[in-house]
Amino acid sequence: MPVKDLESLATKIFGADRVFSNENLESALKRAIDDAKRPLSDDSVGIVVTGSVVTVGEARSILRRLFSKED
């Protein structure tokens, strides 16, 4: 399914304020992390990464790098 079609379908289901597409996985993850932050709230928010095993593995590597503690 083309990305634009999937984005349109997801927007109809979840709403335009909860759906976006991005050409770059790292940029998409950074935006999702920023969108998930809820200052002054105790709510827990998660981010789901789906796709091929390769895509999920790439996302895992990016997230590990972004959140690794530097010595």
N, C-alpha and C. Protein backbone atom coordinates (compact mmCIF):
# COMPACT_ATOMS: atom_id res chain seq x y z
N MET A 1 0.85 -1.17 0.00
CA MET A 1 0.00 0.00 0.00
C MET A 1 0.90 1.24 0.00
N PRO A 2 0.64 2.15 -0.88
CA PRO A 2 1.43 3.40 -0.91
C PRO A 2 1.29 4.17 0.41
N VAL A 3 2.34 4.87 0.78
CA VAL A 3 2.38 5.61 2.04
C VAL A 3 1.22 6.61 2.14
N LYS A 4 0.97 7.33 1.09
CA LYS A 4 -0.11 8.34 1.11
C LYS A 4 -1.47 7.69 1.39
N ASP A 5 -1.71 6.51 0.81
CA ASP A 5 -2.97 5.81 1.06
C ASP A 5 -3.07 5.36 2.51
N LEU A 6 -1.98 4.83 3.03
CA LEU A 6 -1.96 4.39 4.42
C LEU A 6 -2.14 5.57 5.36
N GLU A 7 -1.47 6.67 5.06
CA GLU A 7 -1.61 7.88 5.88
C GLU A 7 -3.06 8.38 5.87
N SER A 8 -3.69 8.37 4.72
CA SER A 8 -5.08 8.81 4.61
C SER A 8 -6.01 7.91 5.42
N LEU A 9 -5.82 6.61 5.32
CA LEU A 9 -6.64 5.66 6.07
C LEU A 9 -6.44 5.83 7.57
N ALA A 10 -5.19 5.94 8.00
CA ALA A 10 -4.89 6.12 9.43
C ALA A 10 -5.46 7.43 9.95
N THR A 11 -5.44 8.47 9.15
CA THR A 11 -5.99 9.76 9.56
C THR A 11 -7.49 9.66 9.78
N LYS A 12 -8.17 8.92 8.93
CA LYS A 12 -9.61 8.72 9.09
C LYS A 12 -9.93 7.98 10.39
N ILE A 13 -9.06 7.06 10.76
CA ILE A 13 -9.30 6.25 11.96
C ILE A 13 -8.86 6.97 13.23
N PHE A 14 -7.65 7.52 13.22
CA PHE A 14 -7.05 8.07 14.43
C PHE A 14 -7.13 9.59 14.54
N GLY A 15 -7.37 10.29 13.44
CA GLY A 15 -7.42 11.75 13.45
C GLY A 15 -6.13 12.36 12.96
N ALA A 16 -6.25 13.52 12.36
CA ALA A 16 -5.10 14.19 11.75
C ALA A 16 -4.04 14.60 12.78
N ASP A 17 -4.46 14.81 14.02
CA ASP A 17 -3.51 15.23 15.04
C ASP A 17 -2.66 14.07 15.57
N ARG A 18 -2.98 12.84 15.17
CA ARG A 18 -2.25 11.68 15.67
C ARG A 18 -1.52 10.91 14.58
N VAL A 19 -1.54 11.41 13.35
CA VAL A 19 -0.94 10.69 12.22
C VAL A 19 0.00 11.61 11.46
N PHE A 20 1.17 11.09 11.12
CA PHE A 20 2.09 11.81 10.25
C PHE A 20 2.95 10.80 9.52
N SER A 21 3.51 11.19 8.44
CA SER A 21 4.47 10.34 7.73
C SER A 21 5.76 11.11 7.57
N ASN A 22 6.83 10.37 7.38
CA ASN A 22 8.14 10.98 7.25
C ASN A 22 8.99 10.09 6.36
N GLU A 23 9.84 10.68 5.59
CA GLU A 23 10.71 9.92 4.68
C GLU A 23 11.86 9.23 5.42
N ASN A 24 12.19 9.72 6.61
CA ASN A 24 13.37 9.26 7.32
C ASN A 24 12.95 8.67 8.67
N LEU A 25 13.38 7.44 8.96
CA LEU A 25 12.98 6.76 10.18
C LEU A 25 13.46 7.50 11.43
N GLU A 26 14.69 7.97 11.44
CA GLU A 26 15.19 8.68 12.62
C GLU A 26 14.40 9.95 12.89
N SER A 27 14.10 10.70 11.87
CA SER A 27 13.29 11.92 12.05
C SER A 27 11.88 11.58 12.54
N ALA A 28 11.33 10.50 12.01
CA ALA A 28 9.99 10.07 12.45
C ALA A 28 10.00 9.66 13.92
N LEU A 29 11.03 8.96 14.35
CA LEU A 29 11.14 8.56 15.75
C LEU A 29 11.30 9.77 16.66
N LYS A 30 12.13 10.72 16.25
CA LYS A 30 12.32 11.93 17.06
C LYS A 30 11.02 12.70 17.19
N ARG A 31 10.26 12.81 16.10
CA ARG A 31 8.98 13.51 16.17
C ARG A 31 8.00 12.76 17.07
N ALA A 32 7.96 11.44 16.94
CA ALA A 32 7.06 10.65 17.78
C ALA A 32 7.41 10.80 19.25
N ILE A 33 8.69 10.83 19.57
CA ILE A 33 9.12 11.02 20.96
C ILE A 33 8.69 12.40 21.45
N ASP A 34 8.91 13.43 20.64
CA ASP A 34 8.50 14.79 21.03
C ASP A 34 6.99 14.88 21.22
N ASP A 35 6.23 14.24 20.31
CA ASP A 35 4.77 14.27 20.41
C ASP A 35 4.25 13.49 21.61
N ALA A 36 5.02 12.50 22.06
CA ALA A 36 4.58 11.65 23.18
C ALA A 36 4.82 12.30 24.54
N LYS A 37 5.65 13.32 24.59
CA LYS A 37 5.94 13.98 25.87
C LYS A 37 4.73 14.76 26.33
N ARG A 38 4.36 14.55 27.58
CA ARG A 38 3.21 15.23 28.17
C ARG A 38 3.66 15.92 29.46
N PRO A 39 4.14 17.17 29.35
CA PRO A 39 4.58 17.88 30.55
C PRO A 39 3.44 18.00 31.57
N LEU A 40 3.79 17.91 32.81
CA LEU A 40 2.84 18.07 33.91
C LEU A 40 1.74 17.01 33.89
N SER A 41 2.05 15.84 33.38
CA SER A 41 1.08 14.76 33.33
C SER A 41 1.71 13.47 33.80
N ASP A 42 0.92 12.64 34.47
CA ASP A 42 1.39 11.33 34.89
C ASP A 42 1.02 10.25 33.88
N ASP A 43 0.41 10.64 32.78
CA ASP A 43 0.00 9.67 31.76
C ASP A 43 1.22 9.00 31.13
N SER A 44 1.10 7.72 30.88
CA SER A 44 2.13 6.99 30.15
C SER A 44 1.74 6.95 28.68
N VAL A 45 2.68 7.24 27.83
CA VAL A 45 2.42 7.23 26.40
C VAL A 45 3.48 6.35 25.76
N GLY A 46 3.07 5.53 24.82
CA GLY A 46 4.02 4.66 24.13
C GLY A 46 4.08 4.99 22.65
N ILE A 47 5.12 4.50 22.03
CA ILE A 47 5.31 4.64 20.60
C ILE A 47 5.43 3.23 20.04
N VAL A 48 4.69 2.94 19.00
CA VAL A 48 4.72 1.63 18.37
C VAL A 48 5.42 1.75 17.03
N VAL A 49 6.42 0.90 16.80
CA VAL A 49 7.11 0.86 15.52
C VAL A 49 6.75 -0.47 14.86
N THR A 50 6.20 -0.40 13.68
CA THR A 50 5.83 -1.60 12.95
C THR A 50 6.50 -1.61 11.59
N GLY A 51 6.46 -2.73 10.97
CA GLY A 51 7.05 -2.87 9.65
C GLY A 51 7.79 -4.18 9.57
N SER A 52 8.75 -4.24 8.72
CA SER A 52 9.55 -5.45 8.58
C SER A 52 10.48 -5.59 9.77
N VAL A 53 11.03 -6.78 9.90
CA VAL A 53 12.01 -7.03 10.96
C VAL A 53 13.19 -6.07 10.80
N VAL A 54 13.54 -5.78 9.58
CA VAL A 54 14.65 -4.87 9.31
C VAL A 54 14.32 -3.46 9.79
N THR A 55 13.11 -2.99 9.52
CA THR A 55 12.70 -1.65 9.95
C THR A 55 12.67 -1.54 11.47
N VAL A 56 12.10 -2.54 12.12
CA VAL A 56 12.04 -2.52 13.58
C VAL A 56 13.44 -2.61 14.18
N GLY A 57 14.30 -3.42 13.60
CA GLY A 57 15.69 -3.50 14.06
C GLY A 57 16.43 -2.18 13.91
N GLU A 58 16.19 -1.52 12.79
CA GLU A 58 16.80 -0.20 12.56
C GLU A 58 16.30 0.80 13.60
N ALA A 59 15.00 0.77 13.87
CA ALA A 59 14.41 1.67 14.87
C ALA A 59 15.02 1.40 16.24
N ARG A 60 15.19 0.15 16.58
CA ARG A 60 15.79 -0.21 17.87
C ARG A 60 17.21 0.34 17.98
N SER A 61 17.98 0.21 16.92
CA SER A 61 19.35 0.75 16.92
C SER A 61 19.36 2.27 17.07
N ILE A 62 18.47 2.94 16.38
CA ILE A 62 18.39 4.40 16.47
C ILE A 62 18.02 4.81 17.89
N LEU A 63 17.02 4.15 18.47
CA LEU A 63 16.58 4.51 19.83
C LEU A 63 17.66 4.22 20.86
N ARG A 64 18.38 3.14 20.69
CA ARG A 64 19.49 2.85 21.62
C ARG A 64 20.53 3.96 21.55
N ARG A 65 20.84 4.40 20.32
CA ARG A 65 21.83 5.48 20.16
C ARG A 65 21.32 6.78 20.77
N LEU A 66 20.04 7.10 20.53
CA LEU A 66 19.47 8.35 21.04
C LEU A 66 19.42 8.37 22.57
N PHE A 67 19.19 7.22 23.18
CA PHE A 67 19.01 7.20 24.63
C PHE A 67 20.15 6.54 25.40
N SER A 68 21.26 6.30 24.71
CA SER A 68 22.40 5.71 25.42
C SER A 68 23.01 6.75 26.36
N LYS A 69 23.44 6.27 27.48
CA LYS A 69 24.08 7.16 28.46
C LYS A 69 25.56 7.25 28.10
N GLU A 70 25.99 8.46 27.87
CA GLU A 70 27.41 8.66 27.55
C GLU A 70 28.20 8.75 28.84
N ASP A 71 29.39 8.17 28.81
CA ASP A 71 30.26 8.21 30.01
C ASP A 71 30.87 9.56 30.23
